[in-house]
């Protein structure tokens, strides 16, 4: 179940929120004046979200270091746009 709390609970009920995040393994969404402002995650939850991206960036850095080929931003984003539109590069 989605856990939504007012941001004031972060100050007033931090131990309770911390326990909820750690025990449920789910994020807690905070609101201010009825609008979402932030999401609280455990370190483990955050790592699950970012580890694959970090690994891929490390692979890209290694590939770039091993290759002399460089592309301009226009070339890169042009290829991405073409791929998104389903066109062949």
PDB file of N, CA and C in Angstrom:
ATOM      1  N   UNK A   1       0.832  -1.164   0.000  1.00  0.00           N
ATOM      2  CA  UNK A   1       0.000   0.000   0.000  1.00  0.00           C
ATOM      3  C   UNK A   1       0.892   1.249   0.000  1.00  0.00           C
ATOM      4  N   UNK A   2       0.534   2.242  -0.746  1.00  0.00           N
ATOM      5  CA  UNK A   2       1.295   3.484  -0.812  1.00  0.00           C
ATOM      6  C   UNK A   2       1.159   4.221   0.515  1.00  0.00           C
ATOM      7  N   UNK A   3       2.300   4.661   1.048  1.00  0.00           N
ATOM      8  CA  UNK A   3       2.318   5.368   2.324  1.00  0.00           C
ATOM      9  C   UNK A   3       2.588   6.840   2.058  1.00  0.00           C
ATOM     10  N   UNK A   4       1.582   7.672   2.291  1.00  0.00           N
ATOM     11  CA  UNK A   4       1.684   9.116   2.060  1.00  0.00           C
ATOM     12  C   UNK A   4       1.527   9.812   3.408  1.00  0.00           C
ATOM     13  N   UNK A   5       2.502  10.697   3.706  1.00  0.00           N
ATOM     14  CA  UNK A   5       2.500  11.393   4.985  1.00  0.00           C
ATOM     15  C   UNK A   5       2.775  12.877   4.762  1.00  0.00           C
ATOM     16  N   UNK A   6       2.289  13.733   5.667  1.00  0.00           N
ATOM     17  CA  UNK A   6       2.646  15.158   5.573  1.00  0.00           C
ATOM     18  C   UNK A   6       4.119  15.337   5.950  1.00  0.00           C
ATOM     19  N   UNK A   7       4.783  16.302   5.321  1.00  0.00           N
ATOM     20  CA  UNK A   7       6.200  16.527   5.569  1.00  0.00           C
ATOM     21  C   UNK A   7       6.465  16.865   7.034  1.00  0.00           C
ATOM     22  N   UNK A   8       5.487  17.425   7.738  1.00  0.00           N
ATOM     23  CA  UNK A   8       5.665  17.722   9.167  1.00  0.00           C
ATOM     24  C   UNK A   8       5.931  16.454   9.974  1.00  0.00           C
ATOM     25  N   UNK A   9       5.448  15.298   9.502  1.00  0.00           N
ATOM     26  CA  UNK A   9       5.726  14.038  10.183  1.00  0.00           C
ATOM     27  C   UNK A   9       7.212  13.702  10.172  1.00  0.00           C
ATOM     28  N   UNK A  10       7.930  14.203   9.189  1.00  0.00           N
ATOM     29  CA  UNK A  10       9.367  13.942   9.130  1.00  0.00           C
ATOM     30  C   UNK A  10      10.046  14.524  10.372  1.00  0.00           C
ATOM     31  N   UNK A  11       9.616  15.691  10.782  1.00  0.00           N
ATOM     32  CA  UNK A  11      10.179  16.340  11.969  1.00  0.00           C
ATOM     33  C   UNK A  11       9.577  15.743  13.248  1.00  0.00           C
ATOM     34  N   UNK A  12       8.285  15.546  13.240  1.00  0.00           N
ATOM     35  CA  UNK A  12       7.584  15.160  14.463  1.00  0.00           C
ATOM     36  C   UNK A  12       7.568  13.656  14.748  1.00  0.00           C
ATOM     37  N   UNK A  13       7.677  12.850  13.702  1.00  0.00           N
ATOM     38  CA  UNK A  13       7.541  11.397  13.879  1.00  0.00           C
ATOM     39  C   UNK A  13       8.610  10.635  13.102  1.00  0.00           C
ATOM     40  N   UNK A  14       9.833  11.182  13.078  1.00  0.00           N
ATOM     41  CA  UNK A  14      10.886  10.548  12.282  1.00  0.00           C
ATOM     42  C   UNK A  14      11.097   9.075  12.627  1.00  0.00           C
ATOM     43  N   UNK A  15      11.207   8.686  13.902  1.00  0.00           N
ATOM     44  CA  UNK A  15      11.443   7.263  14.193  1.00  0.00           C
ATOM     45  C   UNK A  15      10.356   6.348  13.605  1.00  0.00           C
ATOM     46  N   UNK A  16       9.116   6.812  13.646  1.00  0.00           N
ATOM     47  CA  UNK A  16       8.010   6.024  13.093  1.00  0.00           C
ATOM     48  C   UNK A  16       8.150   5.888  11.571  1.00  0.00           C
ATOM     49  N   UNK A  17       8.484   6.986  10.907  1.00  0.00           N
ATOM     50  CA  UNK A  17       8.657   6.945   9.446  1.00  0.00           C
ATOM     51  C   UNK A  17       9.845   6.060   9.078  1.00  0.00           C
ATOM     52  N   UNK A  18      10.932   6.209   9.816  1.00  0.00           N
ATOM     53  CA  UNK A  18      12.118   5.391   9.557  1.00  0.00           C
ATOM     54  C   UNK A  18      11.786   3.905   9.684  1.00  0.00           C
ATOM     55  N   UNK A  19      11.075   3.557  10.721  1.00  0.00           N
ATOM     56  CA  UNK A  19      10.690   2.164  10.936  1.00  0.00           C
ATOM     57  C   UNK A  19       9.812   1.663   9.790  1.00  0.00           C
ATOM     58  N   UNK A  20       8.895   2.492   9.351  1.00  0.00           N
ATOM     59  CA  UNK A  20       8.011   2.119   8.242  1.00  0.00           C
ATOM     60  C   UNK A  20       8.819   1.842   6.974  1.00  0.00           C
ATOM     61  N   UNK A  21       9.745   2.736   6.653  1.00  0.00           N
ATOM     62  CA  UNK A  21      10.563   2.573   5.443  1.00  0.00           C
ATOM     63  C   UNK A  21      11.407   1.310   5.537  1.00  0.00           C
ATOM     64  N   UNK A  22      12.063   1.113   6.673  1.00  0.00           N
ATOM     65  CA  UNK A  22      12.970  -0.020   6.818  1.00  0.00           C
ATOM     66  C   UNK A  22      12.239  -1.354   6.892  1.00  0.00           C
ATOM     67  N   UNK A  23      11.114  -1.399   7.587  1.00  0.00           N
ATOM     68  CA  UNK A  23      10.394  -2.665   7.747  1.00  0.00           C
ATOM     69  C   UNK A  23       9.580  -3.050   6.516  1.00  0.00           C
ATOM     70  N   UNK A  24       8.984  -2.072   5.867  1.00  0.00           N
ATOM     71  CA  UNK A  24       8.120  -2.391   4.724  1.00  0.00           C
ATOM     72  C   UNK A  24       8.919  -2.589   3.442  1.00  0.00           C
ATOM     73  N   UNK A  25      10.108  -1.987   3.382  1.00  0.00           N
ATOM     74  CA  UNK A  25      10.877  -2.056   2.137  1.00  0.00           C
ATOM     75  C   UNK A  25      10.278  -1.190   1.043  1.00  0.00           C
ATOM     76  N   UNK A  26       9.342  -0.334   1.414  1.00  0.00           N
ATOM     77  CA  UNK A  26       8.659   0.544   0.462  1.00  0.00           C
ATOM     78  C   UNK A  26       8.965   2.000   0.793  1.00  0.00           C
ATOM     79  N   UNK A  27       8.915   2.878  -0.203  1.00  0.00           N
ATOM     80  CA  UNK A  27       9.152   4.297   0.066  1.00  0.00           C
ATOM     81  C   UNK A  27       7.975   4.937   0.797  1.00  0.00           C
ATOM     82  N   UNK A  28       8.257   6.061   1.433  1.00  0.00           N
ATOM     83  CA  UNK A  28       7.213   6.892   2.043  1.00  0.00           C
ATOM     84  C   UNK A  28       7.191   8.201   1.266  1.00  0.00           C
ATOM     85  N   UNK A  29       6.024   8.584   0.801  1.00  0.00           N
ATOM     86  CA  UNK A  29       5.842   9.805   0.035  1.00  0.00           C
ATOM     87  C   UNK A  29       5.433  10.920   0.990  1.00  0.00           C
ATOM     88  N   UNK A  30       6.099  12.064   0.903  1.00  0.00           N
ATOM     89  CA  UNK A  30       5.784  13.197   1.766  1.00  0.00           C
ATOM     90  C   UNK A  30       5.092  14.292   0.967  1.00  0.00           C
ATOM     91  N   UNK A  31       4.127  14.933   1.620  1.00  0.00           N
ATOM     92  CA  UNK A  31       3.387  16.021   0.979  1.00  0.00           C
ATOM     93  C   UNK A  31       3.528  17.292   1.791  1.00  0.00           C
ATOM     94  N   UNK A  32       3.392  18.412   1.106  1.00  0.00           N
ATOM     95  CA  UNK A  32       3.362  19.722   1.749  1.00  0.00           C
ATOM     96  C   UNK A  32       2.212  20.483   1.112  1.00  0.00           C
ATOM     97  N   UNK A  33       1.292  20.952   1.944  1.00  0.00           N
ATOM     98  CA  UNK A  33       0.104  21.656   1.460  1.00  0.00           C
ATOM     99  C   UNK A  33      -0.669  20.829   0.433  1.00  0.00           C
ATOM    100  N   UNK A  34      -0.683  19.524   0.636  1.00  0.00           N
ATOM    101  CA  UNK A  34      -1.452  18.647  -0.227  1.00  0.00           C
ATOM    102  C   UNK A  34      -0.766  18.216  -1.504  1.00  0.00           C
ATOM    103  N   UNK A  35       0.468  18.655  -1.732  1.00  0.00           N
ATOM    104  CA  UNK A  35       1.193  18.303  -2.949  1.00  0.00           C
ATOM    105  C   UNK A  35       2.443  17.498  -2.605  1.00  0.00           C
ATOM    106  N   UNK A  36       2.780  16.535  -3.436  1.00  0.00           N
ATOM    107  CA  UNK A  36       3.964  15.732  -3.216  1.00  0.00           C
ATOM    108  C   UNK A  36       5.225  16.585  -3.254  1.00  0.00           C
ATOM    109  N   UNK A  37       6.120  16.347  -2.295  1.00  0.00           N
ATOM    110  CA  UNK A  37       7.370  17.108  -2.248  1.00  0.00           C
ATOM    111  C   UNK A  37       8.594  16.221  -2.323  1.00  0.00           C
ATOM    112  N   UNK A  38       8.539  15.026  -1.728  1.00  0.00           N
ATOM    113  CA  UNK A  38       9.711  14.154  -1.762  1.00  0.00           C
ATOM    114  C   UNK A  38       9.318  12.729  -1.427  1.00  0.00           C
ATOM    115  N   UNK A  39      10.286  11.844  -1.656  1.00  0.00           N
ATOM    116  CA  UNK A  39      10.110  10.427  -1.372  1.00  0.00           C
ATOM    117  C   UNK A  39      11.267   9.985  -0.498  1.00  0.00           C
ATOM    118  N   UNK A  40      10.966   9.256   0.552  1.00  0.00           N
ATOM    119  CA  UNK A  40      12.002   8.726   1.427  1.00  0.00           C
ATOM    120  C   UNK A  40      12.220   7.253   1.108  1.00  0.00           C
ATOM    121  N   UNK A  41      13.487   6.897   0.907  1.00  0.00           N
ATOM    122  CA  UNK A  41      13.877   5.521   0.618  1.00  0.00           C
ATOM    123  C   UNK A  41      14.985   5.103   1.568  1.00  0.00           C
ATOM    124  N   UNK A  42      15.079   3.807   1.823  1.00  0.00           N
ATOM    125  CA  UNK A  42      16.240   3.306   2.550  1.00  0.00           C
ATOM    126  C   UNK A  42      17.428   3.295   1.594  1.00  0.00           C
ATOM    127  N   UNK A  43      18.601   3.159   2.147  1.00  0.00           N
ATOM    128  CA  UNK A  43      19.813   3.060   1.313  1.00  0.00           C
ATOM    129  C   UNK A  43      19.699   1.865   0.374  1.00  0.00           C
ATOM    130  N   UNK A  44      19.174   0.750   0.881  1.00  0.00           N
ATOM    131  CA  UNK A  44      19.037  -0.455   0.058  1.00  0.00           C
ATOM    132  C   UNK A  44      18.063  -0.221  -1.106  1.00  0.00           C
ATOM    133  N   UNK A  45      16.949   0.462  -0.825  1.00  0.00           N
ATOM    134  CA  UNK A  45      15.989   0.755  -1.891  1.00  0.00           C
ATOM    135  C   UNK A  45      16.626   1.639  -2.952  1.00  0.00           C
ATOM    136  N   UNK A  46      17.335   2.659  -2.502  1.00  0.00           N
ATOM    137  CA  UNK A  46      17.996   3.572  -3.436  1.00  0.00           C
ATOM    138  C   UNK A  46      19.031   2.823  -4.277  1.00  0.00           C
ATOM    139  N   UNK A  47      19.791   1.959  -3.644  1.00  0.00           N
ATOM    140  CA  UNK A  47      20.807   1.183  -4.373  1.00  0.00           C
ATOM    141  C   UNK A  47      20.173   0.303  -5.443  1.00  0.00           C
ATOM    142  N   UNK A  48      19.045  -0.329  -5.114  1.00  0.00           N
ATOM    143  CA  UNK A  48      18.360  -1.163  -6.119  1.00  0.00           C
ATOM    144  C   UNK A  48      17.945  -0.337  -7.332  1.00  0.00           C
ATOM    145  N   UNK A  49      17.575   0.914  -7.101  1.00  0.00           N
ATOM    146  CA  UNK A  49      17.156   1.780  -8.202  1.00  0.00           C
ATOM    147  C   UNK A  49      18.325   2.277  -9.045  1.00  0.00           C
ATOM    148  N   UNK A  50      19.483   2.456  -8.427  1.00  0.00           N
ATOM    149  CA  UNK A  50      20.585   3.122  -9.124  1.00  0.00           C
ATOM    150  C   UNK A  50      21.758   2.226  -9.507  1.00  0.00           C
ATOM    151  N   UNK A  51      21.893   1.055  -8.910  1.00  0.00           N
ATOM    152  CA  UNK A  51      23.074   0.225  -9.158  1.00  0.00           C
ATOM    153  C   UNK A  51      23.257  -0.133 -10.628  1.00  0.00           C
ATOM    154  N   UNK A  52      22.190  -0.514 -11.299  1.00  0.00           N
ATOM    155  CA  UNK A  52      22.308  -0.895 -12.710  1.00  0.00           C
ATOM    156  C   UNK A  52      22.749   0.298 -13.561  1.00  0.00           C
ATOM    157  N   UNK A  53      22.212   1.469 -13.272  1.00  0.00           N
ATOM    158  CA  UNK A  53      22.598   2.678 -14.004  1.00  0.00           C
ATOM    159  C   UNK A  53      24.068   2.995 -13.772  1.00  0.00           C
ATOM    160  N   UNK A  54      24.513   2.901 -12.530  1.00  0.00           N
ATOM    161  CA  UNK A  54      25.926   3.143 -12.216  1.00  0.00           C
ATOM    162  C   UNK A  54      26.825   2.158 -12.949  1.00  0.00           C
ATOM    163  N   UNK A  55      26.431   0.898 -12.977  1.00  0.00           N
ATOM    164  CA  UNK A  55      27.207  -0.135 -13.682  1.00  0.00           C
ATOM    165  C   UNK A  55      27.289   0.171 -15.176  1.00  0.00           C
ATOM    166  N   UNK A  56      26.170   0.559 -15.767  1.00  0.00           N
ATOM    167  CA  UNK A  56      26.156   0.888 -17.199  1.00  0.00           C
ATOM    168  C   UNK A  56      27.019   2.121 -17.502  1.00  0.00           C
ATOM    169  N   UNK A  57      26.985   3.113 -16.616  1.00  0.00           N
ATOM    170  CA  UNK A  57      27.831   4.289 -16.815  1.00  0.00           C
ATOM    171  C   UNK A  57      29.304   3.931 -16.712  1.00  0.00           C
ATOM    172  N   UNK A  58      29.649   3.035 -15.786  1.00  0.00           N
ATOM    173  CA  UNK A  58      31.037   2.570 -15.687  1.00  0.00           C
ATOM    174  C   UNK A  58      31.459   1.851 -16.955  1.00  0.00           C
ATOM    175  N   UNK A  59      30.562   1.009 -17.512  1.00  0.00           N
ATOM    176  CA  UNK A  59      30.854   0.316 -18.767  1.00  0.00           C
ATOM    177  C   UNK A  59      31.048   1.314 -19.901  1.00  0.00           C
ATOM    178  N   UNK A  60      30.213   2.341 -19.945  1.00  0.00           N
ATOM    179  CA  UNK A  60      30.327   3.356 -20.997  1.00  0.00           C
ATOM    180  C   UNK A  60      31.634   4.126 -20.866  1.00  0.00           C
ATOM    181  N   UNK A  61      32.035   4.448 -19.637  1.00  0.00           N
ATOM    182  CA  UNK A  61      33.312   5.131 -19.421  1.00  0.00           C
ATOM    183  C   UNK A  61      34.476   4.279 -19.895  1.00  0.00           C
ATOM    184  N   UNK A  62      34.432   2.981 -19.590  1.00  0.00           N
ATOM    185  CA  UNK A  62      35.502   2.075 -20.014  1.00  0.00           C
ATOM    186  C   UNK A  62      35.541   1.955 -21.535  1.00  0.00           C
ATOM    187  N   UNK A  63      34.371   1.871 -22.169  1.00  0.00           N
ATOM    188  CA  UNK A  63      34.314   1.781 -23.629  1.00  0.00           C
ATOM    189  C   UNK A  63      34.841   3.065 -24.266  1.00  0.00           C
ATOM    190  N   UNK A  64      34.499   4.206 -23.688  1.00  0.00           N
ATOM    191  CA  UNK A  64      34.976   5.480 -24.225  1.00  0.00           C
ATOM    192  C   UNK A  64      36.488   5.599 -24.084  1.00  0.00           C
ATOM    193  N   UNK A  65      37.028   5.127 -22.965  1.00  0.00           N
ATOM    194  CA  UNK A  65      38.479   5.191 -22.748  1.00  0.00           C
ATOM    195  C   UNK A  65      39.222   4.291 -23.720  1.00  0.00           C
ATOM    196  N   UNK A  66      38.584   3.184 -24.137  1.00  0.00           N
ATOM    197  CA  UNK A  66      39.231   2.231 -25.045  1.00  0.00           C
ATOM    198  C   UNK A  66      39.066   2.609 -26.511  1.00  0.00           C
ATOM    199  N   UNK A  67      38.259   3.606 -26.811  1.00  0.00           N
ATOM    200  CA  UNK A  67      37.968   3.976 -28.195  1.00  0.00           C
ATOM    201  C   UNK A  67      38.323   5.444 -28.431  1.00  0.00           C
ATOM    202  N   UNK A  68      38.791   5.719 -29.634  1.00  0.00           N
ATOM    203  CA  UNK A  68      39.088   7.097 -29.995  1.00  0.00           C
ATOM    204  C   UNK A  68      37.912   7.797 -30.652  1.00  0.00           C
ATOM    205  N   UNK A  69      36.812   7.081 -30.827  1.00  0.00           N
ATOM    206  CA  UNK A  69      35.634   7.634 -31.496  1.00  0.00           C
ATOM    207  C   UNK A  69      34.875   8.542 -30.529  1.00  0.00           C
ATOM    208  N   UNK A  70      34.543   9.728 -31.014  1.00  0.00           N
ATOM    209  CA  UNK A  70      33.765  10.664 -30.206  1.00  0.00           C
ATOM    210  C   UNK A  70      32.609  11.190 -31.056  1.00  0.00           C
ATOM    211  N   UNK A  71      31.475  11.394 -30.437  1.00  0.00           N
ATOM    212  CA  UNK A  71      30.301  11.912 -31.109  1.00  0.00           C
ATOM    213  C   UNK A  71      29.914  13.249 -30.500  1.00  0.00           C
ATOM    214  N   UNK A  72      29.387  14.133 -31.323  1.00  0.00           N
ATOM    215  CA  UNK A  72      28.893  15.412 -30.808  1.00  0.00           C
ATOM    216  C   UNK A  72      27.544  15.176 -30.127  1.00  0.00           C
ATOM    217  N   UNK A  73      27.122  16.139 -29.352  1.00  0.00           N
ATOM    218  CA  UNK A  73      25.817  16.043 -28.696  1.00  0.00           C
ATOM    219  C   UNK A  73      24.708  15.925 -29.738  1.00  0.00           C
ATOM    220  N   UNK A  74      24.828  16.657 -30.842  1.00  0.00           N
ATOM    221  CA  UNK A  74      23.804  16.578 -31.893  1.00  0.00           C
ATOM    222  C   UNK A  74      23.721  15.169 -32.473  1.00  0.00           C
ATOM    223  N   UNK A  75      24.874  14.531 -32.667  1.00  0.00           N
ATOM    224  CA  UNK A  75      24.872  13.165 -33.204  1.00  0.00           C
ATOM    225  C   UNK A  75      24.230  12.188 -32.213  1.00  0.00           C
ATOM    226  N   UNK A  76      24.604  12.310 -30.968  1.00  0.00           N
ATOM    227  CA  UNK A  76      24.074  11.397 -29.949  1.00  0.00           C
ATOM    228  C   UNK A  76      22.567  11.557 -29.821  1.00  0.00           C
ATOM    229  N   UNK A  77      22.112  12.793 -29.638  1.00  0.00           N
ATOM    230  CA  UNK A  77      20.685  12.999 -29.442  1.00  0.00           C
ATOM    231  C   UNK A  77      19.886  12.745 -30.715  1.00  0.00           C
ATOM    232  N   UNK A  78      20.498  12.965 -31.864  1.00  0.00           N
ATOM    233  CA  UNK A  78      19.841  12.617 -33.125  1.00  0.00           C
ATOM    234  C   UNK A  78      19.612  11.124 -33.231  1.00  0.00           C
ATOM    235  N   UNK A  79      20.614  10.342 -32.828  1.00  0.00           N
ATOM    236  CA  UNK A  79      20.458   8.881 -32.837  1.00  0.00           C
ATOM    237  C   UNK A  79      19.390   8.437 -31.843  1.00  0.00           C
ATOM    238  N   UNK A  80      19.380   9.043 -30.677  1.00  0.00           N
ATOM    239  CA  UNK A  80      18.379   8.686 -29.670  1.00  0.00           C
ATOM    240  C   UNK A  80      16.986   9.007 -30.183  1.00  0.00           C
ATOM    241  N   UNK A  81      16.818  10.199 -30.762  1.00  0.00           N
ATOM    242  CA  UNK A  81      15.500  10.573 -31.299  1.00  0.00           C
ATOM    243  C   UNK A  81      15.060   9.613 -32.394  1.00  0.00           C
ATOM    244  N   UNK A  82      15.983   9.243 -33.266  1.00  0.00           N
ATOM    245  CA  UNK A  82      15.652   8.302 -34.333  1.00  0.00           C
ATOM    246  C   UNK A  82      15.233   6.955 -33.754  1.00  0.00           C
ATOM    247  N   UNK A  83      15.959   6.523 -32.753  1.00  0.00           N
ATOM    248  CA  UNK A  83      15.627   5.235 -32.121  1.00  0.00           C
ATOM    249  C   UNK A  83      14.254   5.289 -31.477  1.00  0.00           C
ATOM    250  N   UNK A  84      13.957   6.377 -30.791  1.00  0.00           N
ATOM    251  CA  UNK A  84      12.661   6.535 -30.134  1.00  0.00           C
ATOM    252  C   UNK A  84      11.544   6.533 -31.170  1.00  0.00           C
ATOM    253  N   UNK A  85      11.769   7.150 -32.280  1.00  0.00           N
ATOM    254  CA  UNK A  85      10.753   7.227 -33.345  1.00  0.00           C
ATOM    255  C   UNK A  85      10.653   5.933 -34.146  1.00  0.00           C
ATOM    256  N   UNK A  86      11.515   4.960 -33.819  1.00  0.00           N
ATOM    257  CA  UNK A  86      11.442   3.671 -34.488  1.00  0.00           C
ATOM    258  C   UNK A  86      12.158   3.631 -35.839  1.00  0.00           C
ATOM    259  N   UNK A  87      13.007   4.601 -36.092  1.00  0.00           N
ATOM    260  CA  UNK A  87      13.725   4.651 -37.357  1.00  0.00           C
ATOM    261  C   UNK A  87      15.054   3.932 -37.204  1.00  0.00           C
ATOM    262  N   UNK A  88      15.572   3.475 -38.295  1.00  0.00           N
ATOM    263  CA  UNK A  88      16.906   2.875 -38.301  1.00  0.00           C
ATOM    264  C   UNK A  88      17.964   3.964 -38.303  1.00  0.00           C
ATOM    265  N   UNK A  89      19.050   3.699 -37.609  1.00  0.00           N
ATOM    266  CA  UNK A  89      20.157   4.675 -37.563  1.00  0.00           C
ATOM    267  C   UNK A  89      21.127   4.390 -38.682  1.00  0.00           C
TER     268      UNK A  89
END
